[in-house]
Amino acid sequence: MIEYFQHIRLKFIQKEDGASLMEFAVVTALMAVLAATAAPKFSDISENAKVRKSRTEIEKIAKQALNFYQDTAVKEGRGRFPGQTKYNQKVGGHLSESDLNDDLFGGSETATDENGNSVTLPTSATFTRFDGADGAHWVSIFGSEAIKSPTLSDISLNSNYPQVPSVWQTLFGDEILFSPFQDGHYVYQVLPGYGVGSQAEAPTLFIADLENPSQIHLVVKP
């Protein structure tokens, strides 16, 4: 289409008597339509690239967390994730997988249909924005210095694990991973493991980007 417009403009330039005002107006209008149509596509490309970048960074975090888990399993006989002092302790505000699922995936609720029958309806994920109330259950991975925007006053994160950022930064050689999004920031929770011996269950790690945790996250279970 661009080549078509360029061809028209070239014909106007080559005409000895010059382009009419009407012809010029038509070409200008068509070019404006093309620009307006292309802009959202370029915006989508940019956003998709940021999503891919964020997911790549989250995978790096998960890899380091698994390395930490394997190292502690060898040294202590039971693996744990950064922030845990034992494998059966939580990191963050949730204790149940259903609560975390509500944050990231949505859940279900029981309602009554028009015939008086009970039906189960899906509910949407609740943690979809950086300033969502669910943030109070999640722990910053790299600490406040990794928050570019928004500021700490704009978000609500769990502050019960002040030593966590130094553990993660050590795993990355004091490097900090920044989300590519303006309102992004990497957060996590760990659901505790349980049981003993052959019946033991490993803890579960949940990593998310505050830009949109319900869309940009990773669940890791060894």
C-alpha atoms as a PDB file:
ATOM      1  CA  MET A   1       0.000   0.000   0.000  1.00  0.00           C
ATOM      2  CA  ILE A   2       2.873   2.354   0.793  1.00  0.00           C
ATOM      3  CA  GLU A   3       4.348   1.711  -2.650  1.00  0.00           C
ATOM      4  CA  TYR A   4       0.965   2.591  -4.152  1.00  0.00           C
ATOM      5  CA  PHE A   5       0.914   5.972  -2.409  1.00  0.00           C
ATOM      6  CA  GLN A   6       4.512   6.648  -3.423  1.00  0.00           C
ATOM      7  CA  HIS A   7       3.587   5.853  -7.034  1.00  0.00           C
ATOM      8  CA  ILE A   8       0.705   8.337  -6.907  1.00  0.00           C
ATOM      9  CA  ARG A   9       2.908  11.036  -5.404  1.00  0.00           C
ATOM     10  CA  LEU A  10       5.561  10.409  -8.051  1.00  0.00           C
ATOM     11  CA  LYS A  11       2.972  10.834 -10.819  1.00  0.00           C
ATOM     12  CA  PHE A  12       1.898  14.154  -9.291  1.00  0.00           C
ATOM     13  CA  ILE A  13       5.466  15.365  -9.138  1.00  0.00           C
ATOM     14  CA  GLN A  14       6.085  14.359 -12.763  1.00  0.00           C
ATOM     15  CA  LYS A  15       2.930  16.083 -14.105  1.00  0.00           C
ATOM     16  CA  GLU A  16       3.868  19.251 -15.900  1.00  0.00           C
ATOM     17  CA  ASP A  17       0.702  21.096 -14.920  1.00  0.00           C
ATOM     18  CA  GLY A  18       1.093  20.088 -11.240  1.00  0.00           C
ATOM     19  CA  ALA A  19      -1.281  18.233  -8.900  1.00  0.00           C
ATOM     20  CA  SER A  20      -4.682  19.677  -8.199  1.00  0.00           C
ATOM     21  CA  LEU A  21      -5.626  20.635  -4.665  1.00  0.00           C
ATOM     22  CA  MET A  22      -8.245  17.881  -4.651  1.00  0.00           C
ATOM     23  CA  GLU A  23      -5.695  15.232  -5.663  1.00  0.00           C
ATOM     24  CA  PHE A  24      -3.304  16.386  -2.973  1.00  0.00           C
ATOM     25  CA  ALA A  25      -6.047  16.272  -0.354  1.00  0.00           C
ATOM     26  CA  VAL A  26      -6.995  12.722  -1.314  1.00  0.00           C
ATOM     27  CA  VAL A  27      -3.413  11.464  -1.039  1.00  0.00           C
ATOM     28  CA  THR A  28      -2.915  13.252   2.284  1.00  0.00           C
ATOM     29  CA  ALA A  29      -6.086  11.705   3.673  1.00  0.00           C
ATOM     30  CA  LEU A  30      -5.057   8.223   2.534  1.00  0.00           C
ATOM     31  CA  MET A  31      -1.634   8.599   4.109  1.00  0.00           C
ATOM     32  CA  ALA A  32      -3.278   9.702   7.367  1.00  0.00           C
ATOM     33  CA  VAL A  33      -5.484   6.611   7.347  1.00  0.00           C
ATOM     34  CA  LEU A  34      -2.447   4.407   6.784  1.00  0.00           C
ATOM     35  CA  ALA A  35      -0.603   6.021   9.698  1.00  0.00           C
ATOM     36  CA  ALA A  36      -3.589   5.683  12.016  1.00  0.00           C
ATOM     37  CA  THR A  37      -3.969   2.020  11.085  1.00  0.00           C
ATOM     38  CA  ALA A  38      -0.297   1.193  11.525  1.00  0.00           C
ATOM     39  CA  ALA A  39       0.183   2.924  14.889  1.00  0.00           C
ATOM     40  CA  PRO A  40      -1.740   0.393  16.985  1.00  0.00           C
ATOM     41  CA  LYS A  41       0.109  -2.457  15.269  1.00  0.00           C
ATOM     42  CA  PHE A  42       3.478  -0.937  16.150  1.00  0.00           C
ATOM     43  CA  SER A  43       2.205  -0.444  19.713  1.00  0.00           C
ATOM     44  CA  ASP A  44       1.145  -4.102  19.912  1.00  0.00           C
ATOM     45  CA  ILE A  45       4.569  -5.194  18.652  1.00  0.00           C
ATOM     46  CA  SER A  46       6.259  -3.122  21.334  1.00  0.00           C
ATOM     47  CA  GLU A  47       4.046  -4.479  24.118  1.00  0.00           C
ATOM     48  CA  ASN A  48       4.479  -8.068  22.943  1.00  0.00           C
ATOM     49  CA  ALA A  49       8.248  -7.604  22.937  1.00  0.00           C
ATOM     50  CA  LYS A  50       8.087  -6.365  26.541  1.00  0.00           C
ATOM     51  CA  VAL A  51       6.003  -9.366  27.570  1.00  0.00           C
ATOM     52  CA  ARG A  52       8.540 -11.723  26.006  1.00  0.00           C
ATOM     53  CA  LYS A  53      11.394  -9.879  27.701  1.00  0.00           C
ATOM     54  CA  SER A  54       9.684 -10.030  31.078  1.00  0.00           C
ATOM     55  CA  ARG A  55       8.983 -13.745  30.734  1.00  0.00           C
ATOM     56  CA  THR A  56      12.618 -14.342  29.826  1.00  0.00           C
ATOM     57  CA  GLU A  57      13.722 -12.513  32.972  1.00  0.00           C
ATOM     58  CA  ILE A  58      11.266 -14.513  35.076  1.00  0.00           C
ATOM     59  CA  GLU A  59      12.721 -17.719  33.645  1.00  0.00           C
ATOM     60  CA  LYS A  60      16.173 -16.529  34.751  1.00  0.00           C
ATOM     61  CA  ILE A  61      14.821 -15.957  38.247  1.00  0.00           C
ATOM     62  CA  ALA A  62      13.265 -19.421  38.257  1.00  0.00           C
ATOM     63  CA  LYS A  63      16.555 -20.997  37.135  1.00  0.00           C
ATOM     64  CA  GLN A  64      18.487 -19.365  39.975  1.00  0.00           C
ATOM     65  CA  ALA A  65      15.770 -20.380  42.434  1.00  0.00           C
ATOM     66  CA  LEU A  66      16.033 -24.009  41.311  1.00  0.00           C
ATOM     67  CA  ASN A  67      19.830 -23.892  41.634  1.00  0.00           C
ATOM     68  CA  PHE A  68      19.366 -22.588  45.182  1.00  0.00           C
ATOM     69  CA  TYR A  69      16.866 -25.359  45.843  1.00  0.00           C
ATOM     70  CA  GLN A  70      19.247 -28.075  44.622  1.00  0.00           C
ATOM     71  CA  ASP A  71      22.171 -26.651  46.615  1.00  0.00           C
ATOM     72  CA  THR A  72      20.181 -26.612  49.840  1.00  0.00           C
ATOM     73  CA  ALA A  73      18.858 -30.110  49.142  1.00  0.00           C
ATOM     74  CA  VAL A  74      22.449 -31.387  48.967  1.00  0.00           C
ATOM     75  CA  LYS A  75      23.672 -29.435  51.998  1.00  0.00           C
ATOM     76  CA  GLU A  76      20.617 -29.703  54.237  1.00  0.00           C
ATOM     77  CA  GLY A  77      18.905 -32.854  53.048  1.00  0.00           C
ATOM     78  CA  ARG A  78      15.799 -30.973  51.963  1.00  0.00           C
ATOM     79  CA  GLY A  79      15.525 -28.313  49.274  1.00  0.00           C
ATOM     80  CA  ARG A  80      14.075 -24.879  49.901  1.00  0.00           C
ATOM     81  CA  PHE A  81      13.657 -21.621  47.984  1.00  0.00           C
ATOM     82  CA  PRO A  82      15.137 -18.186  48.721  1.00  0.00           C
ATOM     83  CA  GLY A  83      13.395 -16.649  51.716  1.00  0.00           C
ATOM     84  CA  GLN A  84      12.569 -19.999  53.305  1.00  0.00           C
ATOM     85  CA  THR A  85      14.499 -21.119  56.363  1.00  0.00           C
ATOM     86  CA  LYS A  86      12.903 -24.578  56.088  1.00  0.00           C
ATOM     87  CA  TYR A  87      11.115 -26.287  53.243  1.00  0.00           C
ATOM     88  CA  ASN A  88       7.784 -26.252  55.109  1.00  0.00           C
ATOM     89  CA  GLN A  89       7.649 -22.484  55.648  1.00  0.00           C
ATOM     90  CA  LYS A  90       5.853 -20.018  53.413  1.00  0.00           C
ATOM     91  CA  VAL A  91       7.156 -16.814  51.853  1.00  0.00           C
ATOM     92  CA  GLY A  92       4.437 -14.226  51.369  1.00  0.00           C
ATOM     93  CA  GLY A  93       0.920 -13.877  52.646  1.00  0.00           C
ATOM     94  CA  HIS A  94      -0.888 -16.897  51.208  1.00  0.00           C
ATOM     95  CA  LEU A  95      -0.968 -20.353  52.712  1.00  0.00           C
ATOM     96  CA  SER A  96      -3.218 -22.141  50.242  1.00  0.00           C
ATOM     97  CA  GLU A  97      -2.869 -22.806  46.540  1.00  0.00           C
ATOM     98  CA  SER A  98      -6.496 -21.814  45.993  1.00  0.00           C
ATOM     99  CA  ASP A  99      -5.757 -18.290  47.255  1.00  0.00           C
ATOM    100  CA  LEU A 100      -2.804 -17.984  44.894  1.00  0.00           C
ATOM    101  CA  ASN A 101      -4.893 -19.359  42.051  1.00  0.00           C
ATOM    102  CA  ASP A 102      -7.489 -16.669  42.736  1.00  0.00           C
ATOM    103  CA  ASP A 103      -4.726 -14.067  42.370  1.00  0.00           C
ATOM    104  CA  LEU A 104      -3.294 -15.366  39.103  1.00  0.00           C
ATOM    105  CA  PHE A 105      -5.850 -17.582  37.399  1.00  0.00           C
ATOM    106  CA  GLY A 106      -9.230 -16.827  38.883  1.00  0.00           C
ATOM    107  CA  GLY A 107     -11.456 -19.258  40.715  1.00  0.00           C
ATOM    108  CA  SER A 108     -15.093 -20.166  40.875  1.00  0.00           C
ATOM    109  CA  GLU A 109     -18.214 -19.250  42.781  1.00  0.00           C
ATOM    110  CA  THR A 110     -21.587 -20.843  43.315  1.00  0.00           C
ATOM    111  CA  ALA A 111     -24.666 -19.027  42.090  1.00  0.00           C
ATOM    112  CA  THR A 112     -28.346 -19.781  41.485  1.00  0.00           C
ATOM    113  CA  ASP A 113     -29.703 -19.780  37.942  1.00  0.00           C
ATOM    114  CA  GLU A 114     -33.144 -18.650  36.809  1.00  0.00           C
ATOM    115  CA  ASN A 115     -34.562 -22.092  37.574  1.00  0.00           C
ATOM    116  CA  GLY A 116     -33.299 -22.079  41.142  1.00  0.00           C
ATOM    117  CA  ASN A 117     -30.501 -24.529  40.447  1.00  0.00           C
ATOM    118  CA  SER A 118     -27.019 -24.100  41.871  1.00  0.00           C
ATOM    119  CA  VAL A 119     -24.387 -23.503  39.217  1.00  0.00           C
ATOM    120  CA  THR A 120     -20.630 -22.998  39.400  1.00  0.00           C
ATOM    121  CA  LEU A 121     -19.382 -19.893  37.606  1.00  0.00           C
ATOM    122  CA  PRO A 122     -15.763 -18.955  36.867  1.00  0.00           C
ATOM    123  CA  THR A 123     -14.342 -15.801  38.421  1.00  0.00           C
ATOM    124  CA  SER A 124     -11.624 -13.598  36.972  1.00  0.00           C
ATOM    125  CA  ALA A 125      -8.098 -13.335  38.346  1.00  0.00           C
ATOM    126  CA  THR A 126      -7.905 -10.652  41.017  1.00  0.00           C
ATOM    127  CA  PHE A 127      -4.241  -9.615  40.730  1.00  0.00           C
ATOM    128  CA  THR A 128      -4.102  -7.801  37.397  1.00  0.00           C
ATOM    129  CA  ARG A 129      -2.418  -4.471  38.222  1.00  0.00           C
ATOM    130  CA  PHE A 130       0.642  -3.212  40.048  1.00  0.00           C
ATOM    131  CA  ASP A 131      -1.545  -1.429  42.598  1.00  0.00           C
ATOM    132  CA  GLY A 132      -3.906  -4.348  43.229  1.00  0.00           C
ATOM    133  CA  ALA A 133      -4.770  -5.113  46.838  1.00  0.00           C
ATOM    134  CA  ASP A 134      -3.384  -8.639  46.408  1.00  0.00           C
ATOM    135  CA  GLY A 135       0.102  -7.140  46.243  1.00  0.00           C
ATOM    136  CA  ALA A 136       0.143  -7.150  50.050  1.00  0.00           C
ATOM    137  CA  HIS A 137       0.617 -10.934  49.866  1.00  0.00           C
ATOM    138  CA  TRP A 138       3.599 -10.809  47.500  1.00  0.00           C
ATOM    139  CA  VAL A 139       7.269 -10.199  48.287  1.00  0.00           C
ATOM    140  CA  SER A 140       9.684  -8.085  46.234  1.00  0.00           C
ATOM    141  CA  ILE A 141      12.490 -10.159  44.746  1.00  0.00           C
ATOM    142  CA  PHE A 142      15.168  -7.500  44.277  1.00  0.00           C
ATOM    143  CA  GLY A 143      13.924  -4.876  46.730  1.00  0.00           C
ATOM    144  CA  SER A 144      12.861  -1.252  46.496  1.00  0.00           C
ATOM    145  CA  GLU A 145      15.916  -0.204  44.483  1.00  0.00           C
ATOM    146  CA  ALA A 146      14.540  -2.266  41.596  1.00  0.00           C
ATOM    147  CA  ILE A 147      11.295  -0.274  41.570  1.00  0.00           C
ATOM    148  CA  LYS A 148      11.526   2.364  38.842  1.00  0.00           C
ATOM    149  CA  SER A 149       7.884   3.399  38.692  1.00  0.00           C
ATOM    150  CA  PRO A 150       5.521   3.361  40.503  1.00  0.00           C
ATOM    151  CA  THR A 151       7.027   4.393  43.819  1.00  0.00           C
ATOM    152  CA  LEU A 152       6.691   2.361  46.983  1.00  0.00           C
ATOM    153  CA  SER A 153       3.846   4.624  48.071  1.00  0.00           C
ATOM    154  CA  ASP A 154       1.864   3.567  44.983  1.00  0.00           C
ATOM    155  CA  ILE A 155       2.044  -0.175  45.609  1.00  0.00           C
ATOM    156  CA  SER A 156       1.436  -2.474  48.531  1.00  0.00           C
ATOM    157  CA  LEU A 157       3.889  -5.358  48.965  1.00  0.00           C
ATOM    158  CA  ASN A 158       4.559  -7.730  51.830  1.00  0.00           C
ATOM    159  CA  SER A 159       7.312  -6.284  54.061  1.00  0.00           C
ATOM    160  CA  ASN A 160       7.798  -9.233  56.419  1.00  0.00           C
ATOM    161  CA  TYR A 161      10.872 -10.548  54.602  1.00  0.00           C
ATOM    162  CA  PRO A 162      13.457  -7.714  54.633  1.00  0.00           C
ATOM    163  CA  GLN A 163      16.430 -10.031  54.014  1.00  0.00           C
ATOM    164  CA  VAL A 164      15.018 -11.559  50.834  1.00  0.00           C
ATOM    165  CA  PRO A 165      16.401  -9.026  48.279  1.00  0.00           C
ATOM    166  CA  SER A 166      19.989  -9.558  49.444  1.00  0.00           C
ATOM    167  CA  VAL A 167      19.600 -13.331  48.993  1.00  0.00           C
ATOM    168  CA  TRP A 168      18.319 -12.955  45.448  1.00  0.00           C
ATOM    169  CA  GLN A 169      20.906 -10.326  44.525  1.00  0.00           C
ATOM    170  CA  THR A 170      23.669 -12.642  45.747  1.00  0.00           C
ATOM    171  CA  LEU A 171      22.318 -15.393  43.494  1.00  0.00           C
ATOM    172  CA  PHE A 172      22.643 -12.990  40.545  1.00  0.00           C
ATOM    173  CA  GLY A 173      26.098 -11.722  41.458  1.00  0.00           C
ATOM    174  CA  ASP A 174      24.632  -8.471  42.819  1.00  0.00           C
ATOM    175  CA  GLU A 175      22.846  -7.878  39.509  1.00  0.00           C
ATOM    176  CA  ILE A 176      19.262  -6.629  39.577  1.00  0.00           C
ATOM    177  CA  LEU A 177      16.750  -7.647  36.941  1.00  0.00           C
ATOM    178  CA  PHE A 178      14.390  -4.840  35.975  1.00  0.00           C
ATOM    179  CA  SER A 179      11.022  -5.354  34.376  1.00  0.00           C
ATOM    180  CA  PRO A 180      10.774  -3.778  30.893  1.00  0.00           C
ATOM    181  CA  PHE A 181       7.431  -2.232  31.888  1.00  0.00           C
ATOM    182  CA  GLN A 182       7.138   1.182  33.514  1.00  0.00           C
ATOM    183  CA  ASP A 183       4.906  -0.226  36.252  1.00  0.00           C
ATOM    184  CA  GLY A 184       6.620  -3.606  36.347  1.00  0.00           C
ATOM    185  CA  HIS A 185       8.527  -5.207  39.211  1.00  0.00           C
ATOM    186  CA  TYR A 186       9.320  -8.833  40.008  1.00  0.00           C
ATOM    187  CA  VAL A 187       7.576 -10.376  43.014  1.00  0.00           C
ATOM    188  CA  TYR A 188       7.141 -13.898  44.347  1.00  0.00           C
ATOM    189  CA  GLN A 189       5.567 -16.187  46.897  1.00  0.00           C
ATOM    190  CA  VAL A 190       6.398 -19.674  48.108  1.00  0.00           C
ATOM    191  CA  LEU A 191       3.811 -22.141  49.298  1.00  0.00           C
ATOM    192  CA  PRO A 192       5.340 -24.425  51.930  1.00  0.00           C
ATOM    193  CA  GLY A 193       6.194 -28.039  51.346  1.00  0.00           C
ATOM    194  CA  TYR A 194       4.928 -30.685  53.726  1.00  0.00           C
ATOM    195  CA  GLY A 195       5.214 -34.322  54.723  1.00  0.00           C
ATOM    196  CA  VAL A 196       8.210 -36.498  55.518  1.00  0.00           C
ATOM    197  CA  GLY A 197      10.202 -39.218  53.833  1.00  0.00           C
ATOM    198  CA  SER A 198       8.771 -40.595  50.605  1.00  0.00           C
ATOM    199  CA  GLN A 199       5.502 -38.734  51.285  1.00  0.00           C
ATOM    200  CA  ALA A 200       7.166 -35.305  51.350  1.00  0.00           C
ATOM    201  CA  GLU A 201       5.936 -32.620  48.955  1.00  0.00           C
ATOM    202  CA  ALA A 202       8.279 -29.898  47.731  1.00  0.00           C
ATOM    203  CA  PRO A 203       7.421 -26.205  48.169  1.00  0.00           C
ATOM    204  CA  THR A 204       5.959 -24.340  45.187  1.00  0.00           C
ATOM    205  CA  LEU A 205       7.389 -21.097  43.836  1.00  0.00           C
ATOM    206  CA  PHE A 206       5.216 -18.432  42.181  1.00  0.00           C
ATOM    207  CA  ILE A 207       6.964 -15.577  40.310  1.00  0.00           C
ATOM    208  CA  ALA A 208       5.123 -12.648  38.692  1.00  0.00           C
ATOM    209  CA  ASP A 209       5.600  -9.227  37.125  1.00  0.00           C
ATOM    210  CA  LEU A 210       3.602  -6.449  38.791  1.00  0.00           C
ATOM    211  CA  GLU A 211       2.724  -5.019  35.372  1.00  0.00           C
ATOM    212  CA  ASN A 212       0.050  -7.721  35.128  1.00  0.00           C
ATOM    213  CA  PRO A 213       0.687 -10.677  37.430  1.00  0.00           C
ATOM    214  CA  SER A 214      -2.249 -12.679  36.116  1.00  0.00           C
ATOM    215  CA  GLN A 215      -0.782 -12.576  32.601  1.00  0.00           C
ATOM    216  CA  ILE A 216       2.950 -12.576  33.299  1.00  0.00           C
ATOM    217  CA  HIS A 217       3.910 -15.248  35.820  1.00  0.00           C
ATOM    218  CA  LEU A 218       5.575 -18.609  36.252  1.00  0.00           C
ATOM    219  CA  VAL A 219       4.848 -21.464  38.686  1.00  0.00           C
ATOM    220  CA  VAL A 220       7.777 -23.686  39.649  1.00  0.00           C
ATOM    221  CA  LYS A 221       7.576 -26.975  41.549  1.00  0.00           C
ATOM    222  CA  PRO A 222      10.692 -29.172  41.756  1.00  0.00           C
END
